[in-house]
Amino acid sequence: MTSAQQRTKALKSANRIRLGRAKARRAISEGKLSVLDALALPCCATASLHSLLLAQRRWGEIKVAKFLRDLAYAGAPIAANRPVVQLTDREKRVLGSVLESSGAGR
């Protein structure tokens, strides 16, 4: 495989992931998909937790910052720009429980 073919293949793969992530964010915004469900999607593996939380209706920068602070108080300090794929199972459990308690985990 030539470098041009490799580059084309990589670009197609990256585009497919970006489109899948955009579709997931749209679904979260419309209430068709929860953030917890989005964590399991392969296209969202490299997405930041911040971008998925911001996709929710009525969630802005301030609410996301407060939510991340609540996560830290619950024992799972997670950086906003951390990719979903790097979250541990324990962090995902705490994330799920805090989301459910905030009413956003639908």
C-alpha atoms as a PDB file:
ATOM      1  CA  MET A   1       0.000   0.000   0.000  1.00  0.00           C
ATOM      2  CA  THR A   2       1.424   3.356  -0.974  1.00  0.00           C
ATOM      3  CA  SER A   3       1.557   6.315   1.338  1.00  0.00           C
ATOM      4  CA  ALA A   4      -1.173   8.046  -0.688  1.00  0.00           C
ATOM      5  CA  GLN A   5      -3.472   5.061  -0.199  1.00  0.00           C
ATOM      6  CA  GLN A   6      -2.669   4.951   3.508  1.00  0.00           C
ATOM      7  CA  ARG A   7      -3.388   8.667   3.805  1.00  0.00           C
ATOM      8  CA  THR A   8      -6.717   8.287   1.987  1.00  0.00           C
ATOM      9  CA  LYS A   9      -7.683   5.347   4.177  1.00  0.00           C
ATOM     10  CA  ALA A  10      -6.786   7.279   7.337  1.00  0.00           C
ATOM     11  CA  LEU A  11      -8.759  10.325   6.199  1.00  0.00           C
ATOM     12  CA  LYS A  12     -11.825   8.197   5.430  1.00  0.00           C
ATOM     13  CA  SER A  13     -11.585   6.540   8.832  1.00  0.00           C
ATOM     14  CA  ALA A  14     -11.207   9.871  10.644  1.00  0.00           C
ATOM     15  CA  ASN A  15     -14.132  11.331   8.710  1.00  0.00           C
ATOM     16  CA  ARG A  16     -16.328   8.340   9.566  1.00  0.00           C
ATOM     17  CA  ILE A  17     -15.500   8.771  13.263  1.00  0.00           C
ATOM     18  CA  ARG A  18     -16.167  12.532  13.160  1.00  0.00           C
ATOM     19  CA  LEU A  19     -19.514  12.005  11.439  1.00  0.00           C
ATOM     20  CA  GLY A  20     -20.482   9.309  13.954  1.00  0.00           C
ATOM     21  CA  ARG A  21     -19.541  11.570  16.855  1.00  0.00           C
ATOM     22  CA  ALA A  22     -21.566  14.451  15.391  1.00  0.00           C
ATOM     23  CA  LYS A  23     -24.546  12.133  14.946  1.00  0.00           C
ATOM     24  CA  ALA A  24     -24.229  10.996  18.572  1.00  0.00           C
ATOM     25  CA  ARG A  25     -24.068  14.603  19.813  1.00  0.00           C
ATOM     26  CA  ARG A  26     -27.179  15.433  17.775  1.00  0.00           C
ATOM     27  CA  ALA A  27     -28.991  12.430  19.249  1.00  0.00           C
ATOM     28  CA  ILE A  28     -27.975  13.506  22.760  1.00  0.00           C
ATOM     29  CA  SER A  29     -29.227  17.018  22.062  1.00  0.00           C
ATOM     30  CA  GLU A  30     -32.568  15.686  20.797  1.00  0.00           C
ATOM     31  CA  GLY A  31     -32.928  13.414  23.841  1.00  0.00           C
ATOM     32  CA  LYS A  32     -32.781  10.215  21.765  1.00  0.00           C
ATOM     33  CA  LEU A  33     -29.492   9.098  23.338  1.00  0.00           C
ATOM     34  CA  SER A  34     -28.135   9.570  26.840  1.00  0.00           C
ATOM     35  CA  VAL A  35     -24.553  10.462  27.624  1.00  0.00           C
ATOM     36  CA  LEU A  36     -24.209   7.105  29.376  1.00  0.00           C
ATOM     37  CA  ASP A  37     -25.290   5.263  26.230  1.00  0.00           C
ATOM     38  CA  ALA A  38     -22.942   7.389  24.124  1.00  0.00           C
ATOM     39  CA  LEU A  39     -19.987   6.261  26.257  1.00  0.00           C
ATOM     40  CA  ALA A  40     -20.368   2.771  24.803  1.00  0.00           C
ATOM     41  CA  LEU A  41     -20.368   3.886  21.152  1.00  0.00           C
ATOM     42  CA  PRO A  42     -17.111   3.263  19.271  1.00  0.00           C
ATOM     43  CA  CYS A  43     -17.323   6.635  17.531  1.00  0.00           C
ATOM     44  CA  CYS A  44     -17.371   8.418  20.913  1.00  0.00           C
ATOM     45  CA  ALA A  45     -14.320   6.627  22.278  1.00  0.00           C
ATOM     46  CA  THR A  46     -12.010   9.513  21.403  1.00  0.00           C
ATOM     47  CA  ALA A  47     -14.553  12.231  22.234  1.00  0.00           C
ATOM     48  CA  SER A  48     -13.966  14.300  25.335  1.00  0.00           C
ATOM     49  CA  LEU A  49     -16.390  13.961  28.212  1.00  0.00           C
ATOM     50  CA  HIS A  50     -16.827  17.736  28.036  1.00  0.00           C
ATOM     51  CA  SER A  51     -18.129  17.644  24.449  1.00  0.00           C
ATOM     52  CA  LEU A  52     -20.654  14.906  25.272  1.00  0.00           C
ATOM     53  CA  LEU A  53     -21.924  16.750  28.341  1.00  0.00           C
ATOM     54  CA  LEU A  54     -22.217  20.004  26.370  1.00  0.00           C
ATOM     55  CA  ALA A  55     -24.352  18.234  23.777  1.00  0.00           C
ATOM     56  CA  GLN A  56     -27.183  17.860  26.285  1.00  0.00           C
ATOM     57  CA  ARG A  57     -29.988  20.374  26.067  1.00  0.00           C
ATOM     58  CA  ARG A  58     -29.667  23.257  28.515  1.00  0.00           C
ATOM     59  CA  TRP A  59     -26.107  22.284  29.468  1.00  0.00           C
ATOM     60  CA  GLY A  60     -23.574  25.068  28.979  1.00  0.00           C
ATOM     61  CA  GLU A  61     -20.019  25.627  30.114  1.00  0.00           C
ATOM     62  CA  ILE A  62     -21.038  26.566  33.676  1.00  0.00           C
ATOM     63  CA  LYS A  63     -23.279  23.544  34.217  1.00  0.00           C
ATOM     64  CA  VAL A  64     -20.628  21.199  32.814  1.00  0.00           C
ATOM     65  CA  ALA A  65     -17.992  22.736  35.107  1.00  0.00           C
ATOM     66  CA  LYS A  66     -20.292  22.310  38.129  1.00  0.00           C
ATOM     67  CA  PHE A  67     -21.028  18.724  37.100  1.00  0.00           C
ATOM     68  CA  LEU A  68     -17.323  17.903  36.813  1.00  0.00           C
ATOM     69  CA  ARG A  69     -16.800  19.460  40.258  1.00  0.00           C
ATOM     70  CA  ASP A  70     -19.593  17.234  41.616  1.00  0.00           C
ATOM     71  CA  LEU A  71     -17.810  14.249  40.083  1.00  0.00           C
ATOM     72  CA  ALA A  72     -14.664  15.203  41.957  1.00  0.00           C
ATOM     73  CA  TYR A  73     -16.635  15.403  45.213  1.00  0.00           C
ATOM     74  CA  ALA A  74     -18.095  11.970  44.466  1.00  0.00           C
ATOM     75  CA  GLY A  75     -14.589  10.549  44.277  1.00  0.00           C
ATOM     76  CA  ALA A  76     -13.931  10.564  40.541  1.00  0.00           C
ATOM     77  CA  PRO A  77     -12.047  13.698  39.523  1.00  0.00           C
ATOM     78  CA  ILE A  78     -12.140  13.645  35.723  1.00  0.00           C
ATOM     79  CA  ALA A  79     -10.516  16.282  33.528  1.00  0.00           C
ATOM     80  CA  ALA A  80     -12.924  17.887  31.060  1.00  0.00           C
ATOM     81  CA  ASN A  81     -10.761  17.114  28.039  1.00  0.00           C
ATOM     82  CA  ARG A  82     -10.197  13.461  28.954  1.00  0.00           C
ATOM     83  CA  PRO A  83     -11.202  11.051  26.176  1.00  0.00           C
ATOM     84  CA  VAL A  84     -13.984   8.616  27.006  1.00  0.00           C
ATOM     85  CA  VAL A  85     -11.760   5.654  26.127  1.00  0.00           C
ATOM     86  CA  GLN A  86      -9.446   6.564  29.029  1.00  0.00           C
ATOM     87  CA  LEU A  87     -12.200   6.451  31.669  1.00  0.00           C
ATOM     88  CA  THR A  88     -11.936   3.533  34.080  1.00  0.00           C
ATOM     89  CA  ASP A  89     -14.926   1.355  34.916  1.00  0.00           C
ATOM     90  CA  ARG A  90     -15.141   2.941  38.361  1.00  0.00           C
ATOM     91  CA  GLU A  91     -15.142   6.449  36.862  1.00  0.00           C
ATOM     92  CA  LYS A  92     -17.906   5.419  34.454  1.00  0.00           C
ATOM     93  CA  ARG A  93     -19.976   4.040  37.363  1.00  0.00           C
ATOM     94  CA  VAL A  94     -19.558   7.239  39.364  1.00  0.00           C
ATOM     95  CA  LEU A  95     -20.295   9.275  36.244  1.00  0.00           C
ATOM     96  CA  GLY A  96     -23.481   7.280  35.720  1.00  0.00           C
ATOM     97  CA  SER A  97     -24.672   7.676  39.291  1.00  0.00           C
ATOM     98  CA  VAL A  98     -24.003  11.429  39.332  1.00  0.00           C
ATOM     99  CA  LEU A  99     -25.715  11.826  35.952  1.00  0.00           C
ATOM    100  CA  GLU A 100     -28.735   9.872  37.184  1.00  0.00           C
ATOM    101  CA  SER A 101     -28.947  11.938  40.356  1.00  0.00           C
ATOM    102  CA  SER A 102     -28.782  15.157  38.345  1.00  0.00           C
ATOM    103  CA  GLY A 103     -31.624  13.933  36.137  1.00  0.00           C
ATOM    104  CA  ALA A 104     -29.558  14.086  32.964  1.00  0.00           C
ATOM    105  CA  GLY A 105     -28.841  10.394  32.558  1.00  0.00           C
ATOM    106  CA  ARG A 106     -32.233   9.551  31.057  1.00  0.00           C
END
